[in-house]
Amino acid sequence: MSAAGLSPEQIADAAQAFAAQRLGPRSQTVLGDPARLALVVARVTRRGQAPEDAVLAELHGQLEADPTLVDEFLAYFLSDLDRLGHGRLAPGLRRFVDTGDLVQSVLGDLWPELSGIRFESRDSFLALLAARLRWKASDSARAAKAGKRREDLRSELPAQ
């Protein structure tokens, strides 16, 4: 969604369409507020933000006040997270850690602090999520290796 050459009305229409088609009904309702929509238009026209980023940034700012938005906000990133998570797991580790579990774990860790994170753009938010996936995958790999080493050091106790 590009804002080049669009009028404020066209930007508003595009923002509402994005919310309805890609986010969900709660996001669409929040953007139905003329004041919120005006803030999105201002982000695009004055700051030069992409319309998608402006919508996401405005909704992100409402997450603490309206927790029902959190599901729609994070669901928007879920397919990208799944793709990123799959790429972060080494082939040997994929046998032990499910990509979906890795993504769910990262989102669970992120959930309490989500509204405190500064949202700049979709790309920067995905970069943050990718870093967290990388850390979580590394932790899982370390735990698997540590468990394997411990197995090698174990000896059987004689039967009594």
N, C-alpha and C. Protein backbone atom coordinates (compact mmCIF):
# COMPACT_ATOMS: atom_id res chain seq x y z
N MET A 1 0.85 -1.16 0.00
CA MET A 1 0.00 0.00 0.00
C MET A 1 0.90 1.23 0.00
N SER A 2 0.92 1.97 -1.08
CA SER A 2 1.76 3.16 -1.21
C SER A 2 0.88 4.41 -1.15
N ALA A 3 1.41 5.47 -0.51
CA ALA A 3 0.63 6.70 -0.33
C ALA A 3 0.97 7.75 -1.37
N ALA A 4 1.86 7.45 -2.27
CA ALA A 4 2.30 8.44 -3.25
C ALA A 4 1.12 8.93 -4.09
N GLY A 5 0.89 10.24 -4.02
CA GLY A 5 -0.15 10.86 -4.82
C GLY A 5 -1.57 10.65 -4.33
N LEU A 6 -1.74 10.13 -3.13
CA LEU A 6 -3.08 9.89 -2.61
C LEU A 6 -3.57 11.09 -1.80
N SER A 7 -4.83 11.36 -1.89
CA SER A 7 -5.45 12.42 -1.08
C SER A 7 -5.67 11.88 0.33
N PRO A 8 -5.88 12.77 1.31
CA PRO A 8 -6.18 12.29 2.67
C PRO A 8 -7.38 11.33 2.71
N GLU A 9 -8.39 11.58 1.90
CA GLU A 9 -9.56 10.70 1.87
C GLU A 9 -9.18 9.31 1.34
N GLN A 10 -8.34 9.30 0.31
CA GLN A 10 -7.90 8.01 -0.25
C GLN A 10 -7.02 7.26 0.75
N ILE A 11 -6.19 7.99 1.49
CA ILE A 11 -5.36 7.36 2.52
C ILE A 11 -6.25 6.76 3.60
N ALA A 12 -7.27 7.52 4.01
CA ALA A 12 -8.21 7.03 5.03
C ALA A 12 -8.92 5.78 4.54
N ASP A 13 -9.36 5.78 3.30
CA ASP A 13 -10.05 4.62 2.74
C ASP A 13 -9.11 3.40 2.68
N ALA A 14 -7.88 3.65 2.25
CA ALA A 14 -6.90 2.56 2.17
C ALA A 14 -6.59 2.01 3.56
N ALA A 15 -6.48 2.88 4.55
CA ALA A 15 -6.21 2.45 5.93
C ALA A 15 -7.35 1.60 6.46
N GLN A 16 -8.58 2.03 6.22
CA GLN A 16 -9.74 1.26 6.69
C GLN A 16 -9.84 -0.08 5.96
N ALA A 17 -9.53 -0.10 4.69
CA ALA A 17 -9.55 -1.35 3.93
C ALA A 17 -8.47 -2.30 4.45
N PHE A 18 -7.29 -1.78 4.73
CA PHE A 18 -6.21 -2.60 5.28
C PHE A 18 -6.64 -3.20 6.61
N ALA A 19 -7.22 -2.40 7.48
CA ALA A 19 -7.67 -2.90 8.78
C ALA A 19 -8.73 -3.98 8.63
N ALA A 20 -9.66 -3.77 7.71
CA ALA A 20 -10.75 -4.72 7.52
C ALA A 20 -10.27 -6.02 6.90
N GLN A 21 -9.38 -5.93 5.90
CA GLN A 21 -8.97 -7.11 5.14
C GLN A 21 -7.81 -7.87 5.77
N ARG A 22 -6.90 -7.17 6.43
CA ARG A 22 -5.68 -7.81 6.90
C ARG A 22 -5.58 -7.94 8.41
N LEU A 23 -6.37 -7.17 9.15
CA LEU A 23 -6.25 -7.19 10.62
C LEU A 23 -7.46 -7.84 11.27
N GLY A 24 -8.61 -7.19 11.23
CA GLY A 24 -9.78 -7.79 11.82
C GLY A 24 -10.82 -6.78 12.23
N PRO A 25 -11.95 -7.28 12.72
CA PRO A 25 -13.07 -6.39 13.03
C PRO A 25 -12.79 -5.37 14.14
N ARG A 26 -12.04 -5.75 15.15
CA ARG A 26 -11.75 -4.80 16.23
C ARG A 26 -10.88 -3.66 15.72
N SER A 27 -9.90 -3.99 14.90
CA SER A 27 -9.04 -2.96 14.31
C SER A 27 -9.84 -2.04 13.42
N GLN A 28 -10.75 -2.62 12.67
CA GLN A 28 -11.61 -1.82 11.80
C GLN A 28 -12.48 -0.88 12.62
N THR A 29 -12.99 -1.35 13.75
CA THR A 29 -13.80 -0.51 14.63
C THR A 29 -12.99 0.63 15.21
N VAL A 30 -11.78 0.32 15.66
CA VAL A 30 -10.91 1.37 16.22
C VAL A 30 -10.62 2.43 15.17
N LEU A 31 -10.34 2.00 13.95
CA LEU A 31 -10.05 2.97 12.88
C LEU A 31 -11.32 3.65 12.37
N GLY A 32 -12.47 3.17 12.79
CA GLY A 32 -13.72 3.83 12.44
C GLY A 32 -13.90 5.14 13.19
N ASP A 33 -13.13 5.33 14.24
CA ASP A 33 -13.15 6.58 15.00
C ASP A 33 -12.46 7.65 14.15
N PRO A 34 -13.17 8.72 13.81
CA PRO A 34 -12.58 9.76 12.95
C PRO A 34 -11.28 10.36 13.50
N ALA A 35 -11.17 10.47 14.82
CA ALA A 35 -9.94 11.02 15.42
C ALA A 35 -8.76 10.08 15.18
N ARG A 36 -8.99 8.79 15.34
CA ARG A 36 -7.92 7.80 15.10
C ARG A 36 -7.51 7.80 13.63
N LEU A 37 -8.50 7.84 12.79
CA LEU A 37 -8.22 7.83 11.35
C LEU A 37 -7.46 9.08 10.94
N ALA A 38 -7.79 10.20 11.55
CA ALA A 38 -7.06 11.45 11.26
C ALA A 38 -5.60 11.33 11.69
N LEU A 39 -5.35 10.63 12.79
CA LEU A 39 -3.96 10.42 13.24
C LEU A 39 -3.19 9.55 12.25
N VAL A 40 -3.86 8.55 11.71
CA VAL A 40 -3.22 7.69 10.69
C VAL A 40 -2.90 8.52 9.45
N VAL A 41 -3.85 9.30 9.00
CA VAL A 41 -3.62 10.15 7.82
C VAL A 41 -2.47 11.12 8.07
N ALA A 42 -2.42 11.69 9.28
CA ALA A 42 -1.33 12.62 9.62
C ALA A 42 0.02 11.91 9.61
N ARG A 43 0.07 10.68 10.09
CA ARG A 43 1.32 9.91 10.07
C ARG A 43 1.81 9.73 8.63
N VAL A 44 0.88 9.53 7.73
CA VAL A 44 1.25 9.30 6.33
C VAL A 44 1.64 10.60 5.65
N THR A 45 0.81 11.64 5.81
CA THR A 45 1.05 12.88 5.06
C THR A 45 2.16 13.73 5.66
N ARG A 46 2.25 13.79 6.98
CA ARG A 46 3.26 14.66 7.60
C ARG A 46 4.58 13.95 7.87
N ARG A 47 4.51 12.70 8.28
CA ARG A 47 5.73 11.98 8.63
C ARG A 47 6.26 11.13 7.49
N GLY A 48 5.44 10.94 6.46
CA GLY A 48 5.88 10.14 5.33
C GLY A 48 5.87 8.65 5.60
N GLN A 49 5.15 8.24 6.63
CA GLN A 49 5.07 6.82 6.95
C GLN A 49 4.22 6.10 5.91
N ALA A 50 4.55 4.86 5.65
CA ALA A 50 3.71 4.06 4.76
C ALA A 50 2.35 3.86 5.43
N PRO A 51 1.27 3.83 4.67
CA PRO A 51 -0.05 3.67 5.28
C PRO A 51 -0.18 2.44 6.16
N GLU A 52 0.38 1.32 5.72
CA GLU A 52 0.35 0.09 6.53
C GLU A 52 1.03 0.33 7.87
N ASP A 53 2.21 0.94 7.84
CA ASP A 53 2.94 1.21 9.07
C ASP A 53 2.18 2.20 9.96
N ALA A 54 1.53 3.18 9.35
CA ALA A 54 0.77 4.16 10.12
C ALA A 54 -0.40 3.50 10.84
N VAL A 55 -1.09 2.60 10.15
CA VAL A 55 -2.20 1.88 10.79
C VAL A 55 -1.68 1.02 11.93
N LEU A 56 -0.63 0.25 11.66
CA LEU A 56 -0.08 -0.62 12.70
C LEU A 56 0.43 0.18 13.89
N ALA A 57 1.08 1.30 13.64
CA ALA A 57 1.60 2.13 14.72
C ALA A 57 0.45 2.70 15.57
N GLU A 58 -0.59 3.14 14.92
CA GLU A 58 -1.74 3.69 15.66
C GLU A 58 -2.41 2.60 16.49
N LEU A 59 -2.58 1.43 15.92
CA LEU A 59 -3.18 0.33 16.67
C LEU A 59 -2.27 -0.13 17.80
N HIS A 60 -0.98 -0.16 17.54
CA HIS A 60 -0.03 -0.54 18.58
C HIS A 60 -0.14 0.39 19.78
N GLY A 61 -0.34 1.66 19.52
CA GLY A 61 -0.51 2.62 20.60
C GLY A 61 -1.76 2.40 21.42
N GLN A 62 -2.70 1.63 20.89
CA GLN A 62 -3.96 1.36 21.58
C GLN A 62 -3.99 0.00 22.27
N LEU A 63 -2.93 -0.78 22.17
CA LEU A 63 -2.93 -2.14 22.70
C LEU A 63 -3.17 -2.19 24.21
N GLU A 64 -2.56 -1.29 24.93
CA GLU A 64 -2.72 -1.31 26.39
C GLU A 64 -4.14 -0.91 26.79
N ALA A 65 -4.71 0.05 26.10
CA ALA A 65 -6.06 0.52 26.42
C ALA A 65 -7.13 -0.46 25.92
N ASP A 66 -6.81 -1.23 24.89
CA ASP A 66 -7.78 -2.14 24.29
C ASP A 66 -7.11 -3.49 24.02
N PRO A 67 -7.02 -4.34 25.04
CA PRO A 67 -6.32 -5.63 24.89
C PRO A 67 -6.89 -6.55 23.81
N THR A 68 -8.13 -6.32 23.39
CA THR A 68 -8.69 -7.17 22.34
C THR A 68 -7.98 -6.95 21.00
N LEU A 69 -7.28 -5.84 20.87
CA LEU A 69 -6.52 -5.57 19.64
C LEU A 69 -5.26 -6.43 19.55
N VAL A 70 -4.76 -6.88 20.68
CA VAL A 70 -3.50 -7.62 20.70
C VAL A 70 -3.56 -8.84 19.79
N ASP A 71 -4.65 -9.60 19.87
CA ASP A 71 -4.78 -10.80 19.05
C ASP A 71 -4.69 -10.47 17.56
N GLU A 72 -5.42 -9.46 17.14
CA GLU A 72 -5.40 -9.10 15.72
C GLU A 72 -4.03 -8.55 15.30
N PHE A 73 -3.44 -7.76 16.17
CA PHE A 73 -2.14 -7.17 15.87
C PHE A 73 -1.09 -8.27 15.68
N LEU A 74 -1.01 -9.20 16.63
CA LEU A 74 -0.02 -10.27 16.53
C LEU A 74 -0.36 -11.27 15.43
N ALA A 75 -1.65 -11.52 15.20
CA ALA A 75 -2.05 -12.45 14.14
C ALA A 75 -1.57 -11.95 12.78
N TYR A 76 -1.52 -10.64 12.61
CA TYR A 76 -1.04 -10.08 11.35
C TYR A 76 0.40 -10.51 11.06
N PHE A 77 1.19 -10.68 12.09
CA PHE A 77 2.61 -11.03 11.93
C PHE A 77 2.85 -12.54 11.97
N LEU A 78 1.82 -13.33 12.22
CA LEU A 78 2.01 -14.76 12.48
C LEU A 78 2.62 -15.53 11.31
N SER A 79 2.17 -15.30 10.09
CA SER A 79 2.73 -16.06 8.97
C SER A 79 4.20 -15.70 8.74
N ASP A 80 4.54 -14.41 8.92
CA ASP A 80 5.95 -14.01 8.81
C ASP A 80 6.77 -14.65 9.92
N LEU A 81 6.21 -14.70 11.12
CA LEU A 81 6.91 -15.31 12.25
C LEU A 81 7.14 -16.79 12.02
N ASP A 82 6.14 -17.46 11.49
CA ASP A 82 6.28 -18.89 11.23
C ASP A 82 7.38 -19.14 10.20
N ARG A 83 7.39 -18.32 9.16
CA ARG A 83 8.45 -18.44 8.13
C ARG A 83 9.82 -18.16 8.73
N LEU A 84 9.91 -17.09 9.53
CA LEU A 84 11.18 -16.74 10.17
C LEU A 84 11.62 -17.82 11.15
N GLY A 85 10.67 -18.35 11.91
CA GLY A 85 10.98 -19.38 12.88
C GLY A 85 11.51 -20.64 12.22
N HIS A 86 10.91 -21.01 11.10
CA HIS A 86 11.36 -22.21 10.38
C HIS A 86 12.80 -22.03 9.92
N GLY A 87 13.14 -20.84 9.48
CA GLY A 87 14.50 -20.57 9.02
C GLY A 87 15.52 -20.49 10.15
N ARG A 88 15.06 -20.28 11.39
CA ARG A 88 15.97 -20.14 12.52
C ARG A 88 16.35 -21.49 13.15
N LEU A 89 15.61 -22.54 12.83
CA LEU A 89 15.89 -23.84 13.42
C LEU A 89 16.84 -24.64 12.54
N ALA A 90 17.90 -25.11 13.14
CA ALA A 90 18.82 -25.99 12.42
C ALA A 90 18.08 -27.29 12.10
N PRO A 91 18.42 -27.94 11.00
CA PRO A 91 17.69 -29.17 10.62
C PRO A 91 17.66 -30.22 11.73
N GLY A 92 18.74 -30.41 12.45
CA GLY A 92 18.76 -31.39 13.53
C GLY A 92 17.86 -31.01 14.69
N LEU A 93 17.73 -29.72 14.91
CA LEU A 93 16.90 -29.24 16.01
C LEU A 93 15.41 -29.32 15.68
N ARG A 94 15.08 -29.33 14.40
CA ARG A 94 13.67 -29.39 13.99
C ARG A 94 13.00 -30.67 14.46
N ARG A 95 13.79 -31.72 14.70
CA ARG A 95 13.22 -32.97 15.20
C ARG A 95 12.74 -32.82 16.64
N PHE A 96 13.34 -31.88 17.37
CA PHE A 96 13.04 -31.73 18.80
C PHE A 96 12.15 -30.53 19.11
N VAL A 97 12.23 -29.49 18.28
CA VAL A 97 11.48 -28.26 18.55
C VAL A 97 10.61 -27.94 17.34
N ASP A 98 9.32 -27.83 17.58
CA ASP A 98 8.38 -27.47 16.53
C ASP A 98 8.45 -25.97 16.28
N THR A 99 8.42 -25.56 15.02
CA THR A 99 8.47 -24.14 14.69
C THR A 99 7.32 -23.39 15.35
N GLY A 100 6.14 -23.97 15.32
CA GLY A 100 4.98 -23.34 15.95
C GLY A 100 5.19 -23.13 17.44
N ASP A 101 5.80 -24.12 18.09
CA ASP A 101 6.09 -23.98 19.53
C ASP A 101 7.08 -22.86 19.78
N LEU A 102 8.07 -22.76 18.92
CA LEU A 102 9.07 -21.70 19.05
C LEU A 102 8.41 -20.33 18.91
N VAL A 103 7.57 -20.18 17.90
CA VAL A 103 6.87 -18.91 17.66
C VAL A 103 5.96 -18.59 18.84
N GLN A 104 5.21 -19.59 19.31
CA GLN A 104 4.31 -19.38 20.45
C GLN A 104 5.09 -18.96 21.69
N SER A 105 6.24 -19.55 21.89
CA SER A 105 7.06 -19.21 23.05
C SER A 105 7.54 -17.77 22.98
N VAL A 106 7.98 -17.35 21.81
CA VAL A 106 8.43 -15.96 21.63
C VAL A 106 7.28 -15.00 21.86
N LEU A 107 6.11 -15.30 21.30
CA LEU A 107 4.95 -14.43 21.49
C LEU A 107 4.53 -14.40 22.95
N GLY A 108 4.62 -15.52 23.64
CA GLY A 108 4.29 -15.56 25.06
C GLY A 108 5.24 -14.69 25.88
N ASP A 109 6.51 -14.71 25.53
CA ASP A 109 7.49 -13.87 26.22
C ASP A 109 7.26 -12.39 25.92
N LEU A 110 6.84 -12.10 24.69
CA LEU A 110 6.66 -10.72 24.24
C LEU A 110 5.37 -10.09 24.74
N TRP A 111 4.35 -10.92 24.96
CA TRP A 111 3.00 -10.45 25.29
C TRP A 111 2.97 -9.41 26.41
N PRO A 112 3.60 -9.66 27.58
CA PRO A 112 3.48 -8.70 28.68
C PRO A 112 4.14 -7.35 28.40
N GLU A 113 5.11 -7.32 27.54
CA GLU A 113 5.82 -6.07 27.28
C GLU A 113 5.48 -5.45 25.92
N LEU A 114 4.51 -6.00 25.23
CA LEU A 114 4.19 -5.57 23.87
C LEU A 114 3.86 -4.09 23.78
N SER A 115 3.04 -3.59 24.69
CA SER A 115 2.64 -2.18 24.59
C SER A 115 3.79 -1.24 24.95
N GLY A 116 4.81 -1.74 25.64
CA GLY A 116 5.95 -0.91 26.00
C GLY A 116 7.02 -0.83 24.93
N ILE A 117 6.92 -1.68 23.93
CA ILE A 117 7.88 -1.68 22.83
C ILE A 117 7.51 -0.55 21.87
N ARG A 118 8.49 0.16 21.43
CA ARG A 118 8.25 1.25 20.48
C ARG A 118 8.07 0.67 19.08
N PHE A 119 6.95 0.99 18.46
CA PHE A 119 6.67 0.50 17.12
C PHE A 119 7.03 1.57 16.10
N GLU A 120 7.98 1.26 15.24
CA GLU A 120 8.39 2.18 14.18
C GLU A 120 7.78 1.80 12.84
N SER A 121 7.94 0.53 12.50
CA SER A 121 7.43 0.05 11.21
C SER A 121 7.29 -1.47 11.28
N ARG A 122 6.59 -1.99 10.29
CA ARG A 122 6.41 -3.44 10.20
C ARG A 122 7.77 -4.14 10.11
N ASP A 123 8.66 -3.59 9.28
CA ASP A 123 9.97 -4.20 9.09
C ASP A 123 10.80 -4.20 10.37
N SER A 124 10.79 -3.09 11.10
CA SER A 124 11.58 -3.05 12.34
C SER A 124 10.98 -3.97 13.40
N PHE A 125 9.66 -4.10 13.43
CA PHE A 125 9.02 -5.01 14.38
C PHE A 125 9.35 -6.45 14.02
N LEU A 126 9.34 -6.77 12.73
CA LEU A 126 9.73 -8.12 12.31
C LEU A 126 11.19 -8.40 12.63
N ALA A 127 12.05 -7.39 12.53
CA ALA A 127 13.46 -7.58 12.89
C ALA A 127 13.60 -7.90 14.38
N LEU A 128 12.82 -7.23 15.21
CA LEU A 128 12.81 -7.53 16.64
C LEU A 128 12.35 -8.96 16.88
N LEU A 129 11.27 -9.35 16.22
CA LEU A 129 10.75 -10.70 16.39
C LEU A 129 11.75 -11.75 15.88
N ALA A 130 12.42 -11.45 14.78
CA ALA A 130 13.42 -12.37 14.23
C ALA A 130 14.58 -12.54 15.21
N ALA A 131 15.00 -11.45 15.85
CA ALA A 131 16.08 -11.55 16.84
C ALA A 131 15.64 -12.41 18.02
N ARG A 132 14.42 -12.22 18.46
CA ARG A 132 13.93 -13.02 19.58
C ARG A 132 13.79 -14.49 19.19
N LEU A 133 13.38 -14.76 17.96
CA LEU A 133 13.32 -16.14 17.49
C LEU A 133 14.71 -16.76 17.45
N ARG A 134 15.68 -15.97 17.00
CA ARG A 134 17.06 -16.45 16.94
C ARG A 134 17.56 -16.80 18.33
N TRP A 135 17.28 -15.93 19.31
CA TRP A 135 17.71 -16.19 20.68
C TRP A 135 17.04 -17.45 21.24
N LYS A 136 15.75 -17.57 20.99
CA LYS A 136 15.00 -18.71 21.52
C LYS A 136 15.49 -20.00 20.86
N ALA A 137 15.76 -19.97 19.54
CA ALA A 137 16.27 -21.15 18.84
C ALA A 137 17.65 -21.52 19.35
N SER A 138 18.50 -20.52 19.61
CA SER A 138 19.83 -20.79 20.17
C SER A 138 19.73 -21.41 21.54
N ASP A 139 18.82 -20.90 22.37
CA ASP A 139 18.62 -21.48 23.70
C ASP A 139 18.17 -22.93 23.59
N SER A 140 17.28 -23.21 22.66
CA SER A 140 16.80 -24.59 22.47
C SER A 140 17.93 -25.49 22.01
N ALA A 141 18.77 -24.99 21.11
CA ALA A 141 19.90 -25.79 20.62
C ALA A 141 20.89 -26.06 21.74
N ARG A 142 21.17 -25.02 22.55
CA ARG A 142 22.07 -25.21 23.69
C ARG A 142 21.52 -26.23 24.68
N ALA A 143 20.23 -26.16 24.95
CA ALA A 143 19.61 -27.09 25.89
C ALA A 143 19.67 -28.52 25.35
N ALA A 144 19.45 -28.68 24.04
CA ALA A 144 19.50 -30.01 23.44
C ALA A 144 20.92 -30.58 23.52
N LYS A 145 21.92 -29.73 23.25
CA LYS A 145 23.31 -30.19 23.33
C LYS A 145 23.69 -30.51 24.76
N ALA A 146 23.26 -29.70 25.70
CA ALA A 146 23.58 -29.95 27.10
C ALA A 146 22.93 -31.25 27.56
N GLY A 147 21.72 -31.49 27.14
CA GLY A 147 21.04 -32.73 27.50
C GLY A 147 21.75 -33.94 26.91
N LYS A 148 22.25 -33.79 25.70
CA LYS A 148 22.97 -34.89 25.04
C LYS A 148 24.28 -35.17 25.77
N ARG A 149 24.99 -34.11 26.16
CA ARG A 149 26.23 -34.30 26.90
C ARG A 149 25.96 -35.00 28.22
N ARG A 150 24.92 -34.61 28.89
CA ARG A 150 24.61 -35.24 30.18
C ARG A 150 24.27 -36.71 29.98
N GLU A 151 23.61 -37.07 28.89
CA GLU A 151 23.29 -38.46 28.62
C GLU A 151 24.58 -39.27 28.46
N ASP A 152 25.56 -38.69 27.80
CA ASP A 152 26.83 -39.40 27.58
C ASP A 152 27.56 -39.64 28.89
N LEU A 153 27.38 -38.78 29.85
CA LEU A 153 28.11 -38.89 31.12
C LEU A 153 27.40 -39.79 32.13
N ARG A 154 26.19 -40.14 31.87
CA ARG A 154 25.42 -40.96 32.82
C ARG A 154 25.86 -42.41 32.73
N SER A 155 25.93 -43.01 33.87
CA SER A 155 26.22 -44.43 33.89
C SER A 155 25.09 -45.13 34.63
N GLU A 156 24.86 -46.36 34.26
CA GLU A 156 23.78 -47.09 34.89
C GLU A 156 24.18 -47.55 36.27
N LEU A 157 23.23 -47.47 37.18
CA LEU A 157 23.47 -47.95 38.54
C LEU A 157 23.24 -49.46 38.54
N PRO A 158 24.06 -50.16 39.32
CA PRO A 158 23.86 -51.62 39.38
C PRO A 158 22.50 -51.93 40.03
N ALA A 159 21.87 -52.98 39.55
CA ALA A 159 20.57 -53.39 40.10
C ALA A 159 20.80 -53.97 41.48
N GLN A 160 19.88 -53.65 42.40
CA GLN A 160 20.04 -54.15 43.78
C GLN A 160 19.05 -55.21 44.07
